[in-house]
Amino acid sequence: MTRKVVFLDRDGVINQLVKRDGKFVSPRTFDDFVITPGVPAAVGKLNECGFEVVVVTNQPDISRGLMKLEELELMHRLVRTIGVLEIRVCPHSDEDNCECRKPKPGLLMGYLEENSAFDSVMWMVGDQPRDWQAGEAVGAKIVRIIGSGCEYEATDNYCSENLLEAVEKIVASI
């Protein structure tokens, strides 16, 4: 039986971004962490269809000393309650030049290697080019969360306004 894996970026896909210094960015505290409406239903649908749901997230505020690990764990405890199988975190900033920071595929490769899942049907859902690049590097099909106004080409890559819409496209493809 072929395994099915969906990698999800966290910030901007699972949870809402927060406005800081005039920009929308990742939350740094549990109090600011809000799961986007429709996400629990989307993850539930993936689980019902037999997908392994794995969150892969860059969290450079950890290495920068701007976020406490305790806050990150509280956020991820909440994410696990909606049916996510596993959460993989890169705590490094660009300057660290690590292999796990997207757009490098280290977080995804680590999951695939540890779970012998290379023959899986794979998808990557993200809202930034670095997410899409990491997914492409492991051969995953890509769904771009970019909001309304997306014109997608007739390829294996899709655009969606939110995770629930993305999951509908993924499920329709199986």
Protein backbone atom coordinates (compact mmCIF):
# COMPACT_ATOMS: atom_id res chain seq x y z
CA MET A 1 0.00 0.00 0.00
CA THR A 2 1.34 3.43 -0.93
CA ARG A 3 1.77 5.83 1.94
CA LYS A 4 0.43 9.36 1.64
CA VAL A 5 2.17 12.28 3.34
CA VAL A 6 1.19 15.94 3.49
CA PHE A 7 3.79 18.37 4.79
CA LEU A 8 2.29 21.61 6.09
CA ASP A 9 4.05 24.85 6.83
CA ARG A 10 2.82 26.30 10.11
CA ASP A 11 2.68 30.11 10.11
CA GLY A 12 0.22 31.44 7.55
CA VAL A 13 -1.14 27.95 6.80
CA ILE A 14 -2.18 26.48 10.16
CA ASN A 15 -2.18 29.60 12.29
CA GLN A 16 -2.79 33.26 11.71
CA LEU A 17 0.09 35.67 11.41
CA VAL A 18 0.37 38.61 13.79
CA LYS A 19 1.12 42.22 12.93
CA ARG A 20 4.40 43.46 14.39
CA ASP A 21 6.30 46.57 13.31
CA GLY A 22 3.91 47.01 10.39
CA LYS A 23 4.48 43.48 9.00
CA PHE A 24 2.62 40.20 9.32
CA VAL A 25 4.93 37.71 11.06
CA SER A 26 4.94 34.54 13.15
CA PRO A 27 3.54 34.72 16.68
CA ARG A 28 6.08 34.54 19.48
CA THR A 29 3.72 33.75 22.36
CA PHE A 30 0.97 31.26 22.93
CA ASP A 31 -1.41 34.13 23.66
CA ASP A 32 -0.90 35.37 20.08
CA PHE A 33 -1.22 31.90 18.53
CA VAL A 34 -4.58 31.43 16.78
CA ILE A 35 -5.40 28.43 14.60
CA THR A 36 -7.01 29.60 11.37
CA PRO A 37 -10.71 28.71 10.96
CA GLY A 38 -11.19 25.62 8.82
CA VAL A 39 -7.78 24.14 9.67
CA PRO A 40 -9.06 21.47 12.12
CA ALA A 41 -11.58 20.31 9.50
CA ALA A 42 -8.88 20.27 6.82
CA VAL A 43 -6.49 18.19 8.92
CA GLY A 44 -9.37 15.90 9.88
CA LYS A 45 -10.17 15.34 6.20
CA LEU A 46 -6.55 14.46 5.48
CA ASN A 47 -6.56 11.97 8.36
CA GLU A 48 -9.83 10.42 7.13
CA CYS A 49 -8.22 9.94 3.71
CA GLY A 50 -5.20 8.17 5.22
CA PHE A 51 -2.63 10.96 4.96
CA GLU A 52 0.21 11.36 7.43
CA VAL A 53 0.08 15.06 8.35
CA VAL A 54 3.49 16.50 9.24
CA VAL A 55 4.15 20.14 10.10
CA VAL A 56 7.54 21.50 9.00
CA THR A 57 8.28 24.97 10.33
CA ASN A 58 11.13 27.46 10.49
CA GLN A 59 11.21 29.18 13.89
CA PRO A 60 14.30 31.43 13.82
CA ASP A 61 13.06 33.50 16.76
CA ILE A 62 14.28 30.62 18.96
CA SER A 63 17.95 31.07 17.97
CA ARG A 64 17.55 34.84 18.01
CA GLY A 65 16.38 34.69 21.64
CA LEU A 66 13.02 36.30 20.77
CA MET A 67 10.86 33.25 21.59
CA LYS A 68 11.01 30.87 24.51
CA LEU A 69 10.93 27.13 23.87
CA GLU A 70 8.11 26.87 26.42
CA GLU A 71 5.93 29.13 24.24
CA LEU A 72 6.72 27.07 21.14
CA GLU A 73 5.80 23.86 22.96
CA LEU A 74 2.46 25.33 24.08
CA MET A 75 1.69 26.28 20.47
CA HIS A 76 2.61 22.83 19.21
CA ARG A 77 0.64 21.08 21.92
CA LEU A 78 -2.42 22.88 20.53
CA VAL A 79 -1.50 21.96 16.93
CA ARG A 80 -1.24 18.29 17.89
CA THR A 81 -4.83 18.34 19.18
CA ILE A 82 -6.18 18.88 15.65
CA GLY A 83 -4.74 15.61 14.34
CA VAL A 84 -1.22 16.47 13.21
CA LEU A 85 0.99 13.37 13.38
CA GLU A 86 4.32 15.11 13.86
CA ILE A 87 5.88 18.57 14.05
CA ARG A 88 9.41 19.22 12.84
CA VAL A 89 11.08 22.51 13.76
CA CYS A 90 14.14 24.34 12.49
CA PRO A 91 15.11 26.76 15.28
CA HIS A 92 17.90 28.37 13.25
CA SER A 93 18.18 31.67 11.41
CA ASP A 94 19.52 32.12 7.89
CA GLU A 95 22.95 32.98 9.29
CA ASP A 96 23.26 29.50 10.83
CA ASN A 97 23.30 27.94 7.33
CA CYS A 98 21.81 24.68 8.61
CA GLU A 99 20.37 21.89 6.49
CA CYS A 100 16.97 21.92 8.19
CA ARG A 101 15.97 25.52 7.41
CA LYS A 102 13.59 25.75 4.48
CA PRO A 103 14.12 26.19 1.55
CA LYS A 104 16.59 23.37 2.20
CA PRO A 105 14.70 20.08 2.48
CA GLY A 106 16.26 18.80 5.71
CA LEU A 107 13.06 18.77 7.78
CA LEU A 108 11.19 16.86 5.09
CA MET A 109 14.09 14.52 4.30
CA GLY A 110 14.50 13.69 7.99
CA TYR A 111 10.88 12.58 8.20
CA LEU A 112 11.12 10.56 4.99
CA GLU A 113 14.34 8.84 6.05
CA GLU A 114 13.18 8.04 9.57
CA ASN A 115 9.88 6.62 8.33
CA SER A 116 11.05 4.88 5.15
CA ALA A 117 8.51 6.98 3.29
CA PHE A 118 10.39 7.73 0.07
CA ASP A 119 7.84 5.85 -2.04
CA SER A 120 5.00 7.95 -0.63
CA VAL A 121 2.59 10.18 -2.46
CA MET A 122 3.76 13.53 -1.09
CA TRP A 123 2.35 17.02 -0.93
CA MET A 124 3.75 20.24 0.51
CA VAL A 125 1.39 23.07 1.47
CA GLY A 126 2.98 26.43 2.20
CA ASP A 127 2.56 30.15 1.84
CA GLN A 128 6.15 31.12 0.99
CA PRO A 129 8.52 30.25 -1.86
CA ARG A 130 10.90 28.60 0.65
CA ASP A 131 8.13 26.11 1.53
CA TRP A 132 7.49 25.29 -2.11
CA GLN A 133 11.21 24.90 -2.83
CA ALA A 134 11.68 22.47 0.07
CA GLY A 135 8.73 20.40 -1.16
CA GLU A 136 9.96 20.37 -4.73
CA ALA A 137 13.40 19.21 -3.53
CA VAL A 138 11.87 15.97 -2.19
CA GLY A 139 9.53 15.45 -5.14
CA ALA A 140 6.34 16.57 -3.41
CA LYS A 141 3.46 18.11 -5.29
CA ILE A 142 2.94 21.69 -4.19
CA VAL A 143 -0.09 23.68 -3.09
CA ARG A 144 0.58 27.36 -2.67
CA ILE A 145 -1.51 29.23 -0.12
CA ILE A 146 -1.55 32.68 -1.64
CA GLY A 147 -5.09 33.96 -1.25
CA SER A 148 -7.58 35.14 -3.80
CA GLY A 149 -6.43 36.22 -7.21
CA CYS A 150 -4.37 33.09 -7.80
CA GLU A 151 -4.28 31.85 -11.36
CA TYR A 152 -2.82 28.36 -11.41
CA GLU A 153 -1.58 26.49 -14.42
CA ALA A 154 -2.75 23.01 -15.35
CA THR A 155 0.15 21.24 -13.62
CA ASP A 156 0.59 19.22 -10.45
CA ASN A 157 1.02 22.49 -8.59
CA TYR A 158 -2.00 24.32 -7.26
CA CYS A 159 -2.85 27.59 -5.53
CA SER A 160 -5.44 27.96 -2.78
CA GLU A 161 -6.79 30.66 -0.53
CA ASN A 162 -6.55 28.51 2.60
CA LEU A 163 -5.75 25.03 3.88
CA LEU A 164 -9.30 23.74 3.58
CA GLU A 165 -9.38 24.61 -0.12
CA ALA A 166 -5.92 23.07 -0.55
CA VAL A 167 -7.05 19.82 1.07
CA GLU A 168 -10.04 19.64 -1.28
CA LYS A 169 -7.62 19.73 -4.22
CA ILE A 170 -5.30 17.16 -2.65
CA VAL A 171 -8.14 14.76 -1.87
CA ALA A 172 -9.61 15.20 -5.36
CA SER A 173 -6.27 14.13 -6.84
CA ILE A 174 -6.16 10.69 -5.16
